[in-house]
Amino acid sequence: QKIQFKKRASRAIREIRKFAAKAMTTKDVRIDTKLNKFVWSNGVRNVPTRVRIRLSRKRNEDEEAKEKMFTLVQHVPVESFKNLQTETVKDE
């Protein structure tokens, strides 16, 4: 689990991508700019310990895309991480 300082934030983004791809079974994962800003907010070395995210599977609009669906990962600001549960929302 060791990671050198200069790669911590980029590694965190990569891990978020990996988690989202596994959870939503899409290869195409897009990370919202606000989430990226939050991860990088303390610099490259001091990555926030936890982050609450919202994953949404969306349909790819452009026809040439390899994948039919993509995952959008958004940041959900929370006061504390105590007693949070996973919330599944079905739409359509």
PDB file of N, CA and C in Angstrom:
ATOM      1  N   GLN A   1       0.813  -1.210   0.000  1.00  0.00           N
ATOM      2  CA  GLN A   1       0.000   0.000   0.000  1.00  0.00           C
ATOM      3  C   GLN A   1       0.849   1.264   0.000  1.00  0.00           C
ATOM      4  N   LYS A   2       2.156   1.096  -0.040  1.00  0.00           N
ATOM      5  CA  LYS A   2       3.040   2.257  -0.079  1.00  0.00           C
ATOM      6  C   LYS A   2       2.949   2.933  -1.446  1.00  0.00           C
ATOM      7  N   ILE A   3       2.971   4.261  -1.413  1.00  0.00           N
ATOM      8  CA  ILE A   3       2.970   5.029  -2.670  1.00  0.00           C
ATOM      9  C   ILE A   3       3.808   6.284  -2.461  1.00  0.00           C
ATOM     10  N   GLN A   4       4.694   6.567  -3.408  1.00  0.00           N
ATOM     11  CA  GLN A   4       5.551   7.735  -3.235  1.00  0.00           C
ATOM     12  C   GLN A   4       4.724   9.017  -3.306  1.00  0.00           C
ATOM     13  N   PHE A   5       5.180  10.028  -2.558  1.00  0.00           N
ATOM     14  CA  PHE A   5       4.450  11.285  -2.391  1.00  0.00           C
ATOM     15  C   PHE A   5       4.020  11.901  -3.705  1.00  0.00           C
ATOM     16  N   LYS A   6       4.913  11.946  -4.663  1.00  0.00           N
ATOM     17  CA  LYS A   6       4.643  12.694  -5.885  1.00  0.00           C
ATOM     18  C   LYS A   6       3.618  12.023  -6.788  1.00  0.00           C
ATOM     19  N   LYS A   7       3.153  10.842  -6.390  1.00  0.00           N
ATOM     20  CA  LYS A   7       2.159  10.161  -7.229  1.00  0.00           C
ATOM     21  C   LYS A   7       0.856   9.908  -6.489  1.00  0.00           C
ATOM     22  N   ARG A   8       0.709  10.464  -5.286  1.00  0.00           N
ATOM     23  CA  ARG A   8      -0.440  10.117  -4.449  1.00  0.00           C
ATOM     24  C   ARG A   8      -1.772  10.547  -5.041  1.00  0.00           C
ATOM     25  N   ALA A   9      -1.875  11.813  -5.464  1.00  0.00           N
ATOM     26  CA  ALA A   9      -3.155  12.330  -5.962  1.00  0.00           C
ATOM     27  C   ALA A   9      -3.554  11.633  -7.261  1.00  0.00           C
ATOM     28  N   SER A  10      -2.582  11.456  -8.153  1.00  0.00           N
ATOM     29  CA  SER A  10      -2.903  10.790  -9.417  1.00  0.00           C
ATOM     30  C   SER A  10      -3.263   9.335  -9.183  1.00  0.00           C
ATOM     31  N   ARG A  11      -2.629   8.696  -8.200  1.00  0.00           N
ATOM     32  CA  ARG A  11      -2.964   7.320  -7.847  1.00  0.00           C
ATOM     33  C   ARG A  11      -4.377   7.251  -7.283  1.00  0.00           C
ATOM     34  N   ALA A  12      -4.757   8.244  -6.477  1.00  0.00           N
ATOM     35  CA  ALA A  12      -6.109   8.290  -5.903  1.00  0.00           C
ATOM     36  C   ALA A  12      -7.152   8.374  -7.013  1.00  0.00           C
ATOM     37  N   ILE A  13      -6.909   9.225  -7.990  1.00  0.00           N
ATOM     38  CA  ILE A  13      -7.824   9.349  -9.133  1.00  0.00           C
ATOM     39  C   ILE A  13      -7.911   8.017  -9.881  1.00  0.00           C
ATOM     40  N   ARG A  14      -6.759   7.368 -10.039  1.00  0.00           N
ATOM     41  CA  ARG A  14      -6.725   6.072 -10.735  1.00  0.00           C
ATOM     42  C   ARG A  14      -7.525   5.029  -9.966  1.00  0.00           C
ATOM     43  N   GLU A  15      -7.407   5.029  -8.625  1.00  0.00           N
ATOM     44  CA  GLU A  15      -8.150   4.076  -7.790  1.00  0.00           C
ATOM     45  C   GLU A  15      -9.650   4.342  -7.860  1.00  0.00           C
ATOM     46  N   ILE A  16     -10.037   5.623  -7.893  1.00  0.00           N
ATOM     47  CA  ILE A  16     -11.458   5.968  -8.036  1.00  0.00           C
ATOM     48  C   ILE A  16     -11.983   5.436  -9.363  1.00  0.00           C
ATOM     49  N   ARG A  17     -11.201   5.629 -10.431  1.00  0.00           N
ATOM     50  CA  ARG A  17     -11.559   5.095 -11.754  1.00  0.00           C
ATOM     51  C   ARG A  17     -11.745   3.583 -11.711  1.00  0.00           C
ATOM     52  N   LYS A  18     -10.802   2.903 -11.051  1.00  0.00           N
ATOM     53  CA  LYS A  18     -10.839   1.442 -10.962  1.00  0.00           C
ATOM     54  C   LYS A  18     -12.092   0.984 -10.234  1.00  0.00           C
ATOM     55  N   PHE A  19     -12.392   1.648  -9.093  1.00  0.00           N
ATOM     56  CA  PHE A  19     -13.577   1.309  -8.312  1.00  0.00           C
ATOM     57  C   PHE A  19     -14.848   1.514  -9.128  1.00  0.00           C
ATOM     58  N   ALA A  20     -14.934   2.654  -9.812  1.00  0.00           N
ATOM     59  CA  ALA A  20     -16.132   2.982 -10.594  1.00  0.00           C
ATOM     60  C   ALA A  20     -16.329   1.977 -11.729  1.00  0.00           C
ATOM     61  N   ALA A  21     -15.243   1.612 -12.391  1.00  0.00           N
ATOM     62  CA  ALA A  21     -15.333   0.658 -13.496  1.00  0.00           C
ATOM     63  C   ALA A  21     -15.832  -0.695 -13.001  1.00  0.00           C
ATOM     64  N   LYS A  22     -15.353  -1.101 -11.821  1.00  0.00           N
ATOM     65  CA  LYS A  22     -15.758  -2.390 -11.268  1.00  0.00           C
ATOM     66  C   LYS A  22     -17.210  -2.352 -10.793  1.00  0.00           C
ATOM     67  N   ALA A  23     -17.587  -1.256 -10.118  1.00  0.00           N
ATOM     68  CA  ALA A  23     -18.926  -1.159  -9.535  1.00  0.00           C
ATOM     69  C   ALA A  23     -19.997  -1.027 -10.616  1.00  0.00           C
ATOM     70  N   MET A  24     -19.711  -0.291 -11.673  1.00  0.00           N
ATOM     71  CA  MET A  24     -20.725   0.001 -12.686  1.00  0.00           C
ATOM     72  C   MET A  24     -20.531  -0.800 -13.977  1.00  0.00           C
ATOM     73  N   THR A  25     -19.506  -1.641 -14.012  1.00  0.00           N
ATOM     74  CA  THR A  25     -19.195  -2.491 -15.172  1.00  0.00           C
ATOM     75  C   THR A  25     -19.161  -1.719 -16.492  1.00  0.00           C
ATOM     76  N   THR A  26     -18.481  -0.577 -16.491  1.00  0.00           N
ATOM     77  CA  THR A  26     -18.228   0.158 -17.733  1.00  0.00           C
ATOM     78  C   THR A  26     -16.743   0.454 -17.808  1.00  0.00           C
ATOM     79  N   LYS A  27     -16.195   0.366 -19.013  1.00  0.00           N
ATOM     80  CA  LYS A  27     -14.773   0.665 -19.170  1.00  0.00           C
ATOM     81  C   LYS A  27     -14.544   2.170 -19.191  1.00  0.00           C
ATOM     82  N   ASP A  28     -15.526   2.904 -19.732  1.00  0.00           N
ATOM     83  CA  ASP A  28     -15.412   4.353 -19.888  1.00  0.00           C
ATOM     84  C   ASP A  28     -15.857   5.050 -18.604  1.00  0.00           C
ATOM     85  N   VAL A  29     -14.910   5.606 -17.855  1.00  0.00           N
ATOM     86  CA  VAL A  29     -15.221   6.294 -16.597  1.00  0.00           C
ATOM     87  C   VAL A  29     -14.797   7.746 -16.728  1.00  0.00           C
ATOM     88  N   ARG A  30     -15.747   8.664 -16.475  1.00  0.00           N
ATOM     89  CA  ARG A  30     -15.435  10.097 -16.568  1.00  0.00           C
ATOM     90  C   ARG A  30     -15.538  10.726 -15.190  1.00  0.00           C
ATOM     91  N   ILE A  31     -14.498  11.423 -14.796  1.00  0.00           N
ATOM     92  CA  ILE A  31     -14.439  12.022 -13.461  1.00  0.00           C
ATOM     93  C   ILE A  31     -14.761  13.507 -13.554  1.00  0.00           C
ATOM     94  N   ASP A  32     -15.725  13.936 -12.728  1.00  0.00           N
ATOM     95  CA  ASP A  32     -16.168  15.317 -12.702  1.00  0.00           C
ATOM     96  C   ASP A  32     -15.030  16.237 -12.242  1.00  0.00           C
ATOM     97  N   THR A  33     -15.012  17.463 -12.738  1.00  0.00           N
ATOM     98  CA  THR A  33     -13.930  18.388 -12.381  1.00  0.00           C
ATOM     99  C   THR A  33     -13.940  18.723 -10.888  1.00  0.00           C
ATOM    100  N   LYS A  34     -15.132  18.780 -10.280  1.00  0.00           N
ATOM    101  CA  LYS A  34     -15.213  19.100  -8.846  1.00  0.00           C
ATOM    102  C   LYS A  34     -14.567  18.005  -7.999  1.00  0.00           C
ATOM    103  N   LEU A  35     -14.767  16.750  -8.405  1.00  0.00           N
ATOM    104  CA  LEU A  35     -14.138  15.627  -7.688  1.00  0.00           C
ATOM    105  C   LEU A  35     -12.620  15.706  -7.839  1.00  0.00           C
ATOM    106  N   ASN A  36     -12.166  15.986  -9.054  1.00  0.00           N
ATOM    107  CA  ASN A  36     -10.732  16.116  -9.315  1.00  0.00           C
ATOM    108  C   ASN A  36     -10.132  17.233  -8.459  1.00  0.00           C
ATOM    109  N   LYS A  37     -10.836  18.367  -8.418  1.00  0.00           N
ATOM    110  CA  LYS A  37     -10.386  19.505  -7.602  1.00  0.00           C
ATOM    111  C   LYS A  37     -10.308  19.116  -6.125  1.00  0.00           C
ATOM    112  N   PHE A  38     -11.318  18.357  -5.648  1.00  0.00           N
ATOM    113  CA  PHE A  38     -11.344  17.953  -4.239  1.00  0.00           C
ATOM    114  C   PHE A  38     -10.163  17.042  -3.910  1.00  0.00           C
ATOM    115  N   VAL A  39      -9.889  16.075  -4.777  1.00  0.00           N
ATOM    116  CA  VAL A  39      -8.780  15.142  -4.532  1.00  0.00           C
ATOM    117  C   VAL A  39      -7.452  15.891  -4.516  1.00  0.00           C
ATOM    118  N   TRP A  40      -7.309  16.873  -5.409  1.00  0.00           N
ATOM    119  CA  TRP A  40      -6.062  17.623  -5.513  1.00  0.00           C
ATOM    120  C   TRP A  40      -6.022  18.831  -4.576  1.00  0.00           C
ATOM    121  N   SER A  41      -7.086  19.056  -3.778  1.00  0.00           N
ATOM    122  CA  SER A  41      -7.207  20.294  -3.001  1.00  0.00           C
ATOM    123  C   SER A  41      -6.064  20.506  -2.007  1.00  0.00           C
ATOM    124  N   ASN A  42      -5.527  19.432  -1.435  1.00  0.00           N
ATOM    125  CA  ASN A  42      -4.436  19.584  -0.461  1.00  0.00           C
ATOM    126  C   ASN A  42      -3.063  19.364  -1.096  1.00  0.00           C
ATOM    127  N   GLY A  43      -3.006  19.398  -2.407  1.00  0.00           N
ATOM    128  CA  GLY A  43      -1.733  19.182  -3.097  1.00  0.00           C
ATOM    129  C   GLY A  43      -1.568  17.717  -3.492  1.00  0.00           C
ATOM    130  N   VAL A  44      -0.438  17.407  -4.095  1.00  0.00           N
ATOM    131  CA  VAL A  44      -0.209  16.066  -4.625  1.00  0.00           C
ATOM    132  C   VAL A  44       0.032  15.064  -3.499  1.00  0.00           C
ATOM    133  N   ARG A  45       0.570  15.542  -2.355  1.00  0.00           N
ATOM    134  CA  ARG A  45       0.972  14.602  -1.309  1.00  0.00           C
ATOM    135  C   ARG A  45      -0.124  14.293  -0.308  1.00  0.00           C
ATOM    136  N   ASN A  46      -0.890  15.313   0.084  1.00  0.00           N
ATOM    137  CA  ASN A  46      -1.859  15.136   1.168  1.00  0.00           C
ATOM    138  C   ASN A  46      -3.267  14.944   0.614  1.00  0.00           C
ATOM    139  N   VAL A  47      -3.517  13.760   0.148  1.00  0.00           N
ATOM    140  CA  VAL A  47      -4.817  13.431  -0.441  1.00  0.00           C
ATOM    141  C   VAL A  47      -5.835  13.249   0.682  1.00  0.00           C
ATOM    142  N   PRO A  48      -7.089  13.748   0.516  1.00  0.00           N
ATOM    143  CA  PRO A  48      -8.106  13.518   1.545  1.00  0.00           C
ATOM    144  C   PRO A  48      -8.281  12.022   1.812  1.00  0.00           C
ATOM    145  N   THR A  49      -8.452  11.678   3.101  1.00  0.00           N
ATOM    146  CA  THR A  49      -8.503  10.265   3.489  1.00  0.00           C
ATOM    147  C   THR A  49      -9.699   9.555   2.887  1.00  0.00           C
ATOM    148  N   ARG A  50     -10.854  10.213   2.922  1.00  0.00           N
ATOM    149  CA  ARG A  50     -12.059   9.615   2.344  1.00  0.00           C
ATOM    150  C   ARG A  50     -12.735  10.610   1.441  1.00  0.00           C
ATOM    151  N   VAL A  51     -13.515  10.074   0.522  1.00  0.00           N
ATOM    152  CA  VAL A  51     -14.303  10.944  -0.355  1.00  0.00           C
ATOM    153  C   VAL A  51     -15.615  10.226  -0.647  1.00  0.00           C
ATOM    154  N   ARG A  52     -16.719  10.950  -0.596  1.00  0.00           N
ATOM    155  CA  ARG A  52     -18.022  10.372  -0.933  1.00  0.00           C
ATOM    156  C   ARG A  52     -18.301  10.710  -2.382  1.00  0.00           C
ATOM    157  N   ILE A  53     -18.650   9.691  -3.165  1.00  0.00           N
ATOM    158  CA  ILE A  53     -18.875   9.914  -4.590  1.00  0.00           C
ATOM    159  C   ILE A  53     -20.237   9.408  -5.009  1.00  0.00           C
ATOM    160  N   ARG A  54     -20.734   9.968  -6.103  1.00  0.00           N
ATOM    161  CA  ARG A  54     -21.979   9.496  -6.721  1.00  0.00           C
ATOM    162  C   ARG A  54     -21.621   8.942  -8.090  1.00  0.00           C
ATOM    163  N   LEU A  55     -21.993   7.691  -8.314  1.00  0.00           N
ATOM    164  CA  LEU A  55     -21.732   7.049  -9.601  1.00  0.00           C
ATOM    165  C   LEU A  55     -23.040   7.003 -10.388  1.00  0.00           C
ATOM    166  N   SER A  56     -23.002   7.444 -11.637  1.00  0.00           N
ATOM    167  CA  SER A  56     -24.196   7.337 -12.474  1.00  0.00           C
ATOM    168  C   SER A  56     -23.803   6.787 -13.836  1.00  0.00           C
ATOM    169  N   ARG A  57     -24.522   5.768 -14.260  1.00  0.00           N
ATOM    170  CA  ARG A  57     -24.264   5.150 -15.556  1.00  0.00           C
ATOM    171  C   ARG A  57     -25.115   5.876 -16.583  1.00  0.00           C
ATOM    172  N   LYS A  58     -24.467   6.404 -17.598  1.00  0.00           N
ATOM    173  CA  LYS A  58     -25.181   7.182 -18.612  1.00  0.00           C
ATOM    174  C   LYS A  58     -24.961   6.583 -19.991  1.00  0.00           C
ATOM    175  N   ARG A  59     -25.891   6.905 -20.888  1.00  0.00           N
ATOM    176  CA  ARG A  59     -25.807   6.415 -22.262  1.00  0.00           C
ATOM    177  C   ARG A  59     -24.890   7.326 -23.072  1.00  0.00           C
ATOM    178  N   ASN A  60     -24.036   6.725 -23.880  1.00  0.00           N
ATOM    179  CA  ASN A  60     -23.132   7.496 -24.730  1.00  0.00           C
ATOM    180  C   ASN A  60     -23.916   8.102 -25.890  1.00  0.00           C
ATOM    181  N   GLU A  61     -23.809   9.408 -26.059  1.00  0.00           N
ATOM    182  CA  GLU A  61     -24.595  10.085 -27.096  1.00  0.00           C
ATOM    183  C   GLU A  61     -24.008   9.873 -28.497  1.00  0.00           C
ATOM    184  N   ASP A  62     -22.674   9.994 -28.605  1.00  0.00           N
ATOM    185  CA  ASP A  62     -22.084   9.870 -29.940  1.00  0.00           C
ATOM    186  C   ASP A  62     -22.077   8.419 -30.402  1.00  0.00           C
ATOM    187  N   GLU A  63     -22.453   8.229 -31.645  1.00  0.00           N
ATOM    188  CA  GLU A  63     -22.671   6.892 -32.194  1.00  0.00           C
ATOM    189  C   GLU A  63     -21.368   6.123 -32.398  1.00  0.00           C
ATOM    190  N   GLU A  64     -20.252   6.843 -32.607  1.00  0.00           N
ATOM    191  CA  GLU A  64     -18.979   6.161 -32.922  1.00  0.00           C
ATOM    192  C   GLU A  64     -18.345   5.513 -31.701  1.00  0.00           C
ATOM    193  N   ALA A  65     -18.872   5.788 -30.510  1.00  0.00           N
ATOM    194  CA  ALA A  65     -18.234   5.307 -29.279  1.00  0.00           C
ATOM    195  C   ALA A  65     -18.201   3.782 -29.222  1.00  0.00           C
ATOM    196  N   LYS A  66     -17.108   3.253 -28.685  1.00  0.00           N
ATOM    197  CA  LYS A  66     -16.972   1.798 -28.552  1.00  0.00           C
ATOM    198  C   LYS A  66     -17.974   1.267 -27.538  1.00  0.00           C
ATOM    199  N   GLU A  67     -18.084   1.957 -26.415  1.00  0.00           N
ATOM    200  CA  GLU A  67     -18.964   1.510 -25.329  1.00  0.00           C
ATOM    201  C   GLU A  67     -20.322   2.202 -25.457  1.00  0.00           C
ATOM    202  N   LYS A  68     -21.393   1.453 -25.121  1.00  0.00           N
ATOM    203  CA  LYS A  68     -22.725   2.059 -25.153  1.00  0.00           C
ATOM    204  C   LYS A  68     -22.957   2.953 -23.942  1.00  0.00           C
ATOM    205  N   MET A  69     -22.373   2.563 -22.800  1.00  0.00           N
ATOM    206  CA  MET A  69     -22.580   3.312 -21.569  1.00  0.00           C
ATOM    207  C   MET A  69     -21.264   3.854 -21.037  1.00  0.00           C
ATOM    208  N   PHE A  70     -21.353   4.940 -20.256  1.00  0.00           N
ATOM    209  CA  PHE A  70     -20.190   5.411 -19.522  1.00  0.00           C
ATOM    210  C   PHE A  70     -20.618   5.754 -18.106  1.00  0.00           C
ATOM    211  N   THR A  71     -19.645   5.806 -17.193  1.00  0.00           N
ATOM    212  CA  THR A  71     -19.921   6.123 -15.796  1.00  0.00           C
ATOM    213  C   THR A  71     -19.434   7.535 -15.505  1.00  0.00           C
ATOM    214  N   LEU A  72     -20.317   8.337 -14.901  1.00  0.00           N
ATOM    215  CA  LEU A  72     -19.930   9.671 -14.467  1.00  0.00           C
ATOM    216  C   LEU A  72     -19.737   9.627 -12.958  1.00  0.00           C
ATOM    217  N   VAL A  73     -18.566  10.068 -12.500  1.00  0.00           N
ATOM    218  CA  VAL A  73     -18.251  10.052 -11.069  1.00  0.00           C
ATOM    219  C   VAL A  73     -18.276  11.484 -10.559  1.00  0.00           C
ATOM    220  N   GLN A  74     -19.160  11.759  -9.576  1.00  0.00           N
ATOM    221  CA  GLN A  74     -19.293  13.104  -9.040  1.00  0.00           C
ATOM    222  C   GLN A  74     -18.979  13.123  -7.559  1.00  0.00           C
ATOM    223  N   HIS A  75     -18.550  14.271  -7.072  1.00  0.00           N
ATOM    224  CA  HIS A  75     -18.227  14.432  -5.657  1.00  0.00           C
ATOM    225  C   HIS A  75     -19.478  14.832  -4.892  1.00  0.00           C
ATOM    226  N   VAL A  76     -19.710  14.180  -3.730  1.00  0.00           N
ATOM    227  CA  VAL A  76     -20.815  14.553  -2.853  1.00  0.00           C
ATOM    228  C   VAL A  76     -20.211  15.100  -1.563  1.00  0.00           C
ATOM    229  N   PRO A  77     -20.309  16.427  -1.338  1.00  0.00           N
ATOM    230  CA  PRO A  77     -19.732  16.978  -0.099  1.00  0.00           C
ATOM    231  C   PRO A  77     -20.543  16.541   1.119  1.00  0.00           C
ATOM    232  N   VAL A  78     -19.879  16.047   2.155  1.00  0.00           N
ATOM    233  CA  VAL A  78     -20.566  15.648   3.393  1.00  0.00           C
ATOM    234  C   VAL A  78     -19.828  16.250   4.586  1.00  0.00           C
ATOM    235  N   GLU A  79     -20.586  16.509   5.664  1.00  0.00           N
ATOM    236  CA  GLU A  79     -19.986  17.055   6.885  1.00  0.00           C
ATOM    237  C   GLU A  79     -19.092  16.010   7.548  1.00  0.00           C
ATOM    238  N   SER A  80     -19.664  14.802   7.773  1.00  0.00           N
ATOM    239  CA  SER A  80     -18.864  13.733   8.372  1.00  0.00           C
ATOM    240  C   SER A  80     -19.202  12.422   7.669  1.00  0.00           C
ATOM    241  N   PHE A  81     -18.315  11.445   7.844  1.00  0.00           N
ATOM    242  CA  PHE A  81     -18.511  10.153   7.180  1.00  0.00           C
ATOM    243  C   PHE A  81     -19.163   9.136   8.106  1.00  0.00           C
ATOM    244  N   LYS A  82     -19.670   9.579   9.258  1.00  0.00           N
ATOM    245  CA  LYS A  82     -20.273   8.660  10.221  1.00  0.00           C
ATOM    246  C   LYS A  82     -21.650   8.194   9.741  1.00  0.00           C
ATOM    247  N   ASN A  83     -21.910   6.897   9.901  1.00  0.00           N
ATOM    248  CA  ASN A  83     -23.220   6.272   9.642  1.00  0.00           C
ATOM    249  C   ASN A  83     -23.760   6.517   8.238  1.00  0.00           C
ATOM    250  N   LEU A  84     -22.896   6.573   7.245  1.00  0.00           N
ATOM    251  CA  LEU A  84     -23.363   6.726   5.869  1.00  0.00           C
ATOM    252  C   LEU A  84     -23.637   5.355   5.279  1.00  0.00           C
ATOM    253  N   GLN A  85     -24.707   5.261   4.514  1.00  0.00           N
ATOM    254  CA  GLN A  85     -25.053   4.006   3.850  1.00  0.00           C
ATOM    255  C   GLN A  85     -25.008   4.226   2.340  1.00  0.00           C
ATOM    256  N   THR A  86     -24.871   3.138   1.612  1.00  0.00           N
ATOM    257  CA  THR A  86     -24.945   3.208   0.166  1.00  0.00           C
ATOM    258  C   THR A  86     -26.389   3.415  -0.241  1.00  0.00           C
ATOM    259  N   GLU A  87     -26.622   4.407  -1.087  1.00  0.00           N
ATOM    260  CA  GLU A  87     -27.981   4.665  -1.562  1.00  0.00           C
ATOM    261  C   GLU A  87     -28.043   4.330  -3.039  1.00  0.00           C
ATOM    262  N   THR A  88     -28.961   3.439  -3.406  1.00  0.00           N
ATOM    263  CA  THR A  88     -29.128   3.087  -4.810  1.00  0.00           C
ATOM    264  C   THR A  88     -30.381   3.776  -5.336  1.00  0.00           C
ATOM    265  N   VAL A  89     -30.231   4.520  -6.405  1.00  0.00           N
ATOM    266  CA  VAL A  89     -31.352   5.235  -6.991  1.00  0.00           C
ATOM    267  C   VAL A  89     -31.566   4.701  -8.398  1.00  0.00           C
ATOM    268  N   LYS A  90     -32.768   4.215  -8.680  1.00  0.00           N
ATOM    269  CA  LYS A  90     -33.110   3.752 -10.017  1.00  0.00           C
ATOM    270  C   LYS A  90     -33.891   4.850 -10.727  1.00  0.00           C
ATOM    271  N   ASP A  91     -33.420   5.230 -11.931  1.00  0.00           N
ATOM    272  CA  ASP A  91     -34.216   6.178 -12.706  1.00  0.00           C
ATOM    273  C   ASP A  91     -34.522   5.574 -14.066  1.00  0.00           C
ATOM    274  N   GLU A  92     -35.381   6.222 -14.818  1.00  0.00           N
ATOM    275  CA  GLU A  92     -35.927   5.745 -16.107  1.00  0.00           C
ATOM    276  C   GLU A  92     -37.027   4.731 -15.863  1.00  0.00           C
TER     277      GLU A  92
END
